[in-house]
PDB file of N, CA and C in Angstrom:
ATOM      1  N   UNK A   1       0.837  -1.175   0.000  1.00  0.00           N
ATOM      2  CA  UNK A   1       0.000   0.000   0.000  1.00  0.00           C
ATOM      3  C   UNK A   1       0.886   1.243   0.000  1.00  0.00           C
ATOM      4  N   UNK A   2       0.464   2.260  -0.701  1.00  0.00           N
ATOM      5  CA  UNK A   2       1.234   3.500  -0.716  1.00  0.00           C
ATOM      6  C   UNK A   2       0.579   4.531   0.211  1.00  0.00           C
ATOM      7  N   UNK A   3       1.417   5.349   0.806  1.00  0.00           N
ATOM      8  CA  UNK A   3       0.951   6.361   1.747  1.00  0.00           C
ATOM      9  C   UNK A   3       1.432   7.729   1.282  1.00  0.00           C
ATOM     10  N   UNK A   4       0.629   8.759   1.532  1.00  0.00           N
ATOM     11  CA  UNK A   4       1.042  10.112   1.171  1.00  0.00           C
ATOM     12  C   UNK A   4       2.051  10.621   2.203  1.00  0.00           C
ATOM     13  N   UNK A   5       2.718  11.713   1.860  1.00  0.00           N
ATOM     14  CA  UNK A   5       3.756  12.256   2.742  1.00  0.00           C
ATOM     15  C   UNK A   5       3.219  12.662   4.107  1.00  0.00           C
ATOM     16  N   UNK A   6       2.010  13.153   4.156  1.00  0.00           N
ATOM     17  CA  UNK A   6       1.421  13.554   5.434  1.00  0.00           C
ATOM     18  C   UNK A   6       1.273  12.352   6.373  1.00  0.00           C
ATOM     19  N   UNK A   7       0.810  11.232   5.829  1.00  0.00           N
ATOM     20  CA  UNK A   7       0.665  10.012   6.627  1.00  0.00           C
ATOM     21  C   UNK A   7       2.027   9.485   7.051  1.00  0.00           C
ATOM     22  N   UNK A   8       2.988   9.484   6.127  1.00  0.00           N
ATOM     23  CA  UNK A   8       4.339   9.015   6.460  1.00  0.00           C
ATOM     24  C   UNK A   8       4.960   9.876   7.553  1.00  0.00           C
ATOM     25  N   UNK A   9       4.783  11.189   7.468  1.00  0.00           N
ATOM     26  CA  UNK A   9       5.293  12.090   8.513  1.00  0.00           C
ATOM     27  C   UNK A   9       4.672  11.758   9.858  1.00  0.00           C
ATOM     28  N   UNK A  10       3.369  11.558   9.866  1.00  0.00           N
ATOM     29  CA  UNK A  10       2.668  11.241  11.109  1.00  0.00           C
ATOM     30  C   UNK A  10       3.211   9.955  11.727  1.00  0.00           C
ATOM     31  N   UNK A  11       3.328   8.913  10.909  1.00  0.00           N
ATOM     32  CA  UNK A  11       3.782   7.610  11.408  1.00  0.00           C
ATOM     33  C   UNK A  11       5.231   7.698  11.886  1.00  0.00           C
ATOM     34  N   UNK A  12       6.098   8.345  11.113  1.00  0.00           N
ATOM     35  CA  UNK A  12       7.504   8.486  11.484  1.00  0.00           C
ATOM     36  C   UNK A  12       7.625   9.243  12.807  1.00  0.00           C
ATOM     37  N   UNK A  13       6.889  10.348  12.932  1.00  0.00           N
ATOM     38  CA  UNK A  13       6.926  11.141  14.165  1.00  0.00           C
ATOM     39  C   UNK A  13       6.325  10.393  15.352  1.00  0.00           C
ATOM     40  N   UNK A  14       5.326   9.587  15.090  1.00  0.00           N
ATOM     41  CA  UNK A  14       4.694   8.794  16.156  1.00  0.00           C
ATOM     42  C   UNK A  14       5.733   7.912  16.855  1.00  0.00           C
ATOM     43  N   UNK A  15       6.653   7.370  16.081  1.00  0.00           N
ATOM     44  CA  UNK A  15       7.706   6.528  16.648  1.00  0.00           C
ATOM     45  C   UNK A  15       8.967   7.293  17.004  1.00  0.00           C
ATOM     46  N   UNK A  16       8.915   8.626  16.859  1.00  0.00           N
ATOM     47  CA  UNK A  16      10.081   9.477  17.150  1.00  0.00           C
ATOM     48  C   UNK A  16      11.314   9.042  16.369  1.00  0.00           C
ATOM     49  N   UNK A  17      11.064   8.575  15.129  1.00  0.00           N
ATOM     50  CA  UNK A  17      12.179   8.193  14.261  1.00  0.00           C
ATOM     51  C   UNK A  17      12.803   6.856  14.605  1.00  0.00           C
ATOM     52  N   UNK A  18      12.073   6.050  15.356  1.00  0.00           N
ATOM     53  CA  UNK A  18      12.591   4.732  15.749  1.00  0.00           C
ATOM     54  C   UNK A  18      11.571   3.648  15.443  1.00  0.00           C
ATOM     55  N   UNK A  19      12.086   2.433  15.249  1.00  0.00           N
ATOM     56  CA  UNK A  19      11.214   1.283  15.012  1.00  0.00           C
ATOM     57  C   UNK A  19      10.334   1.066  16.237  1.00  0.00           C
ATOM     58  N   UNK A  20       9.070   0.903  16.004  1.00  0.00           N
ATOM     59  CA  UNK A  20       8.087   0.700  17.078  1.00  0.00           C
ATOM     60  C   UNK A  20       8.394  -0.561  17.879  1.00  0.00           C
ATOM     61  N   UNK A  21       8.989  -1.555  17.244  1.00  0.00           N
ATOM     62  CA  UNK A  21       9.190  -2.863  17.873  1.00  0.00           C
ATOM     63  C   UNK A  21      10.558  -3.030  18.525  1.00  0.00           C
ATOM     64  N   UNK A  22      11.630  -2.639  17.847  1.00  0.00           N
ATOM     65  CA  UNK A  22      12.971  -2.892  18.406  1.00  0.00           C
ATOM     66  C   UNK A  22      13.707  -1.621  18.823  1.00  0.00           C
ATOM     67  N   UNK A  23      13.199  -0.449  18.454  1.00  0.00           N
ATOM     68  CA  UNK A  23      13.814   0.811  18.843  1.00  0.00           C
ATOM     69  C   UNK A  23      14.946   1.278  17.941  1.00  0.00           C
ATOM     70  N   UNK A  24      15.214   0.545  16.865  1.00  0.00           N
ATOM     71  CA  UNK A  24      16.283   0.919  15.936  1.00  0.00           C
ATOM     72  C   UNK A  24      15.994   2.283  15.310  1.00  0.00           C
ATOM     73  N   UNK A  25      17.036   3.103  15.161  1.00  0.00           N
ATOM     74  CA  UNK A  25      16.890   4.426  14.542  1.00  0.00           C
ATOM     75  C   UNK A  25      16.585   4.264  13.054  1.00  0.00           C
ATOM     76  N   UNK A  26      15.583   4.998  12.606  1.00  0.00           N
ATOM     77  CA  UNK A  26      15.146   4.931  11.217  1.00  0.00           C
ATOM     78  C   UNK A  26      15.552   6.196  10.475  1.00  0.00           C
ATOM     79  N   UNK A  27      15.637   6.094   9.159  1.00  0.00           N
ATOM     80  CA  UNK A  27      15.975   7.234   8.321  1.00  0.00           C
ATOM     81  C   UNK A  27      14.763   7.599   7.467  1.00  0.00           C
ATOM     82  N   UNK A  28      14.277   8.815   7.627  1.00  0.00           N
ATOM     83  CA  UNK A  28      13.099   9.269   6.880  1.00  0.00           C
ATOM     84  C   UNK A  28      13.274   9.014   5.377  1.00  0.00           C
ATOM     85  N   UNK A  29      14.460   9.338   4.844  1.00  0.00           N
ATOM     86  CA  UNK A  29      14.680   9.238   3.397  1.00  0.00           C
ATOM     87  C   UNK A  29      14.747   7.796   2.902  1.00  0.00           C
ATOM     88  N   UNK A  30      14.880   6.838   3.807  1.00  0.00           N
ATOM     89  CA  UNK A  30      14.985   5.434   3.383  1.00  0.00           C
ATOM     90  C   UNK A  30      13.699   4.648   3.583  1.00  0.00           C
ATOM     91  N   UNK A  31      12.562   5.341   3.519  1.00  0.00           N
ATOM     92  CA  UNK A  31      11.273   4.648   3.594  1.00  0.00           C
ATOM     93  C   UNK A  31      11.148   3.682   2.417  1.00  0.00           C
ATOM     94  N   UNK A  32      10.896   2.416   2.727  1.00  0.00           N
ATOM     95  CA  UNK A  32      10.669   1.393   1.707  1.00  0.00           C
ATOM     96  C   UNK A  32      11.894   0.997   0.908  1.00  0.00           C
ATOM     97  N   UNK A  33      13.075   1.376   1.346  1.00  0.00           N
ATOM     98  CA  UNK A  33      14.312   1.089   0.609  1.00  0.00           C
ATOM     99  C   UNK A  33      15.083  -0.034   1.292  1.00  0.00           C
ATOM    100  N   UNK A  34      14.632  -1.241   1.101  1.00  0.00           N
ATOM    101  CA  UNK A  34      15.250  -2.407   1.721  1.00  0.00           C
ATOM    102  C   UNK A  34      16.747  -2.449   1.431  1.00  0.00           C
ATOM    103  N   UNK A  35      17.512  -2.759   2.458  1.00  0.00           N
ATOM    104  CA  UNK A  35      18.962  -2.846   2.317  1.00  0.00           C
ATOM    105  C   UNK A  35      19.686  -1.553   2.652  1.00  0.00           C
ATOM    106  N   UNK A  36      18.966  -0.454   2.769  1.00  0.00           N
ATOM    107  CA  UNK A  36      19.574   0.832   3.119  1.00  0.00           C
ATOM    108  C   UNK A  36      19.580   1.011   4.638  1.00  0.00           C
ATOM    109  N   UNK A  37      20.537   1.769   5.135  1.00  0.00           N
ATOM    110  CA  UNK A  37      20.638   2.021   6.564  1.00  0.00           C
ATOM    111  C   UNK A  37      19.395   2.779   7.047  1.00  0.00           C
ATOM    112  N   UNK A  38      18.751   2.270   8.084  1.00  0.00           N
ATOM    113  CA  UNK A  38      17.574   2.912   8.652  1.00  0.00           C
ATOM    114  C   UNK A  38      16.314   2.745   7.814  1.00  0.00           C
ATOM    115  N   UNK A  39      16.316   1.790   6.895  1.00  0.00           N
ATOM    116  CA  UNK A  39      15.140   1.564   6.050  1.00  0.00           C
ATOM    117  C   UNK A  39      13.946   1.161   6.912  1.00  0.00           C
ATOM    118  N   UNK A  40      12.773   1.621   6.499  1.00  0.00           N
ATOM    119  CA  UNK A  40      11.575   1.354   7.302  1.00  0.00           C
ATOM    120  C   UNK A  40      10.345   1.255   6.422  1.00  0.00           C
ATOM    121  N   UNK A  41       9.286   0.751   7.031  1.00  0.00           N
ATOM    122  CA  UNK A  41       7.994   0.608   6.376  1.00  0.00           C
ATOM    123  C   UNK A  41       6.906   0.975   7.386  1.00  0.00           C
ATOM    124  N   UNK A  42       5.722   1.214   6.873  1.00  0.00           N
ATOM    125  CA  UNK A  42       4.570   1.420   7.741  1.00  0.00           C
ATOM    126  C   UNK A  42       4.030   0.039   8.090  1.00  0.00           C
ATOM    127  N   UNK A  43       3.809  -0.198   9.360  1.00  0.00           N
ATOM    128  CA  UNK A  43       3.292  -1.483   9.828  1.00  0.00           C
ATOM    129  C   UNK A  43       1.946  -1.248  10.509  1.00  0.00           C
ATOM    130  N   UNK A  44       1.175  -2.289  10.571  1.00  0.00           N
ATOM    131  CA  UNK A  44      -0.111  -2.238  11.278  1.00  0.00           C
ATOM    132  C   UNK A  44       0.095  -2.872  12.651  1.00  0.00           C
ATOM    133  N   UNK A  45      -0.099  -2.096  13.703  1.00  0.00           N
ATOM    134  CA  UNK A  45       0.044  -2.614  15.059  1.00  0.00           C
ATOM    135  C   UNK A  45      -0.859  -3.824  15.245  1.00  0.00           C
ATOM    136  N   UNK A  46      -2.104  -3.687  14.870  1.00  0.00           N
ATOM    137  CA  UNK A  46      -3.046  -4.804  14.891  1.00  0.00           C
ATOM    138  C   UNK A  46      -3.259  -5.216  13.428  1.00  0.00           C
ATOM    139  N   UNK A  47      -2.744  -6.373  13.001  1.00  0.00           N
ATOM    140  CA  UNK A  47      -2.807  -6.780  11.592  1.00  0.00           C
ATOM    141  C   UNK A  47      -4.243  -6.904  11.060  1.00  0.00           C
ATOM    142  N   UNK A  48      -4.369  -6.734   9.739  1.00  0.00           N
ATOM    143  CA  UNK A  48      -5.668  -6.897   9.083  1.00  0.00           C
ATOM    144  C   UNK A  48      -6.295  -8.242   9.423  1.00  0.00           C
ATOM    145  N   UNK A  49      -5.469  -9.283   9.459  1.00  0.00           N
ATOM    146  CA  UNK A  49      -5.992 -10.636   9.712  1.00  0.00           C
ATOM    147  C   UNK A  49      -6.570 -10.784  11.117  1.00  0.00           C
ATOM    148  N   UNK A  50      -6.288  -9.812  11.969  1.00  0.00           N
ATOM    149  CA  UNK A  50      -6.827  -9.840  13.336  1.00  0.00           C
ATOM    150  C   UNK A  50      -7.771  -8.669  13.592  1.00  0.00           C
ATOM    151  N   UNK A  51      -8.319  -8.139  12.503  1.00  0.00           N
ATOM    152  CA  UNK A  51      -9.297  -7.074  12.629  1.00  0.00           C
ATOM    153  C   UNK A  51      -8.735  -5.666  12.584  1.00  0.00           C
ATOM    154  N   UNK A  52      -7.448  -5.522  12.256  1.00  0.00           N
ATOM    155  CA  UNK A  52      -6.829  -4.205  12.184  1.00  0.00           C
ATOM    156  C   UNK A  52      -7.344  -3.388  11.011  1.00  0.00           C
ATOM    157  N   UNK A  53      -7.099  -2.092  11.078  1.00  0.00           N
ATOM    158  CA  UNK A  53      -7.563  -1.171  10.044  1.00  0.00           C
ATOM    159  C   UNK A  53      -6.400  -0.304   9.552  1.00  0.00           C
ATOM    160  N   UNK A  54      -6.705   0.557   8.575  1.00  0.00           N
ATOM    161  CA  UNK A  54      -5.729   1.532   8.086  1.00  0.00           C
ATOM    162  C   UNK A  54      -5.869   2.873   8.790  1.00  0.00           C
ATOM    163  N   UNK A  55      -6.620   2.931   9.873  1.00  0.00           N
ATOM    164  CA  UNK A  55      -6.725   4.170  10.638  1.00  0.00           C
ATOM    165  C   UNK A  55      -5.349   4.552  11.174  1.00  0.00           C
ATOM    166  N   UNK A  56      -5.072   5.831  11.258  1.00  0.00           N
ATOM    167  CA  UNK A  56      -3.767   6.310  11.723  1.00  0.00           C
ATOM    168  C   UNK A  56      -3.362   5.723  13.065  1.00  0.00           C
ATOM    169  N   UNK A  57      -4.312   5.559  13.963  1.00  0.00           N
ATOM    170  CA  UNK A  57      -3.968   5.045  15.297  1.00  0.00           C
ATOM    171  C   UNK A  57      -3.414   3.615  15.250  1.00  0.00           C
ATOM    172  N   UNK A  58      -3.636   2.905  14.142  1.00  0.00           N
ATOM    173  CA  UNK A  58      -3.156   1.531  14.010  1.00  0.00           C
ATOM    174  C   UNK A  58      -1.844   1.437  13.218  1.00  0.00           C
ATOM    175  N   UNK A  59      -1.363   2.544  12.676  1.00  0.00           N
ATOM    176  CA  UNK A  59      -0.143   2.530  11.863  1.00  0.00           C
ATOM    177  C   UNK A  59       1.057   2.926  12.704  1.00  0.00           C
ATOM    178  N   UNK A  60       2.144   2.170  12.554  1.00  0.00           N
ATOM    179  CA  UNK A  60       3.375   2.430  13.303  1.00  0.00           C
ATOM    180  C   UNK A  60       4.581   2.269  12.375  1.00  0.00           C
ATOM    181  N   UNK A  61       5.705   2.939  12.701  1.00  0.00           N
ATOM    182  CA  UNK A  61       6.915   2.761  11.913  1.00  0.00           C
ATOM    183  C   UNK A  61       7.642   1.488  12.346  1.00  0.00           C
ATOM    184  N   UNK A  62       8.141   0.749  11.381  1.00  0.00           N
ATOM    185  CA  UNK A  62       8.876  -0.478  11.708  1.00  0.00           C
ATOM    186  C   UNK A  62      10.056  -0.643  10.765  1.00  0.00           C
ATOM    187  N   UNK A  63      11.199  -1.051  11.320  1.00  0.00           N
ATOM    188  CA  UNK A  63      12.316  -1.382  10.437  1.00  0.00           C
ATOM    189  C   UNK A  63      11.856  -2.572   9.596  1.00  0.00           C
ATOM    190  N   UNK A  64      12.440  -2.717   8.446  1.00  0.00           N
ATOM    191  CA  UNK A  64      11.982  -3.754   7.523  1.00  0.00           C
ATOM    192  C   UNK A  64      12.127  -5.138   8.138  1.00  0.00           C
ATOM    193  N   UNK A  65      13.194  -5.354   8.886  1.00  0.00           N
ATOM    194  CA  UNK A  65      13.405  -6.651   9.523  1.00  0.00           C
ATOM    195  C   UNK A  65      12.263  -7.004  10.483  1.00  0.00           C
ATOM    196  N   UNK A  66      11.905  -6.072  11.347  1.00  0.00           N
ATOM    197  CA  UNK A  66      10.803  -6.332  12.290  1.00  0.00           C
ATOM    198  C   UNK A  66       9.477  -6.502  11.561  1.00  0.00           C
ATOM    199  N   UNK A  67       9.222  -5.653  10.585  1.00  0.00           N
ATOM    200  CA  UNK A  67       7.948  -5.724   9.881  1.00  0.00           C
ATOM    201  C   UNK A  67       7.782  -7.063   9.168  1.00  0.00           C
ATOM    202  N   UNK A  68       8.828  -7.531   8.540  1.00  0.00           N
ATOM    203  CA  UNK A  68       8.739  -8.783   7.782  1.00  0.00           C
ATOM    204  C   UNK A  68       8.688 -10.006   8.699  1.00  0.00           C
ATOM    205  N   UNK A  69       9.309  -9.917   9.863  1.00  0.00           N
ATOM    206  CA  UNK A  69       9.308 -11.082  10.763  1.00  0.00           C
ATOM    207  C   UNK A  69       8.061 -11.138  11.640  1.00  0.00           C
ATOM    208  N   UNK A  70       7.370 -10.034  11.779  1.00  0.00           N
ATOM    209  CA  UNK A  70       6.189  -9.960  12.640  1.00  0.00           C
ATOM    210  C   UNK A  70       5.037 -10.804  12.116  1.00  0.00           C
ATOM    211  N   UNK A  71       4.897 -10.873  10.803  1.00  0.00           N
ATOM    212  CA  UNK A  71       3.802 -11.589  10.141  1.00  0.00           C
ATOM    213  C   UNK A  71       2.468 -11.068  10.645  1.00  0.00           C
ATOM    214  N   UNK A  72       1.617 -11.906  11.199  1.00  0.00           N
ATOM    215  CA  UNK A  72       0.285 -11.414  11.620  1.00  0.00           C
ATOM    216  C   UNK A  72       0.142 -11.340  13.136  1.00  0.00           C
ATOM    217  N   UNK A  73       1.274 -11.256  13.845  1.00  0.00           N
ATOM    218  CA  UNK A  73       1.216 -11.134  15.302  1.00  0.00           C
ATOM    219  C   UNK A  73       1.090  -9.686  15.714  1.00  0.00           C
ATOM    220  N   UNK A  74       0.506  -9.493  16.850  1.00  0.00           N
ATOM    221  CA  UNK A  74       0.454  -8.171  17.473  1.00  0.00           C
ATOM    222  C   UNK A  74       1.415  -8.198  18.642  1.00  0.00           C
ATOM    223  N   UNK A  75       2.447  -7.391  18.620  1.00  0.00           N
ATOM    224  CA  UNK A  75       3.478  -7.448  19.643  1.00  0.00           C
ATOM    225  C   UNK A  75       3.209  -6.565  20.837  1.00  0.00           C
ATOM    226  N   UNK A  76       2.472  -5.499  20.685  1.00  0.00           N
ATOM    227  CA  UNK A  76       2.217  -4.580  21.805  1.00  0.00           C
ATOM    228  C   UNK A  76       0.763  -4.517  22.094  1.00  0.00           C
TER     229      UNK A  76
END
């Protein structure tokens, strides 16, 4: 899914520039750039498969490693 800059800013700021799950420092410019330092993606705190939505309150910043390994679990 693609997100506009306003949504990306909100999600990035929500995590204070860090991965929601492991705390790793993220780089704003490396959104969606796998393999780059600080690369990150928008993750759903509560996955769609468990009733999650695309509402802002459910979106969190995650390093690509955490996002891909999380699958459909809710960690927090």
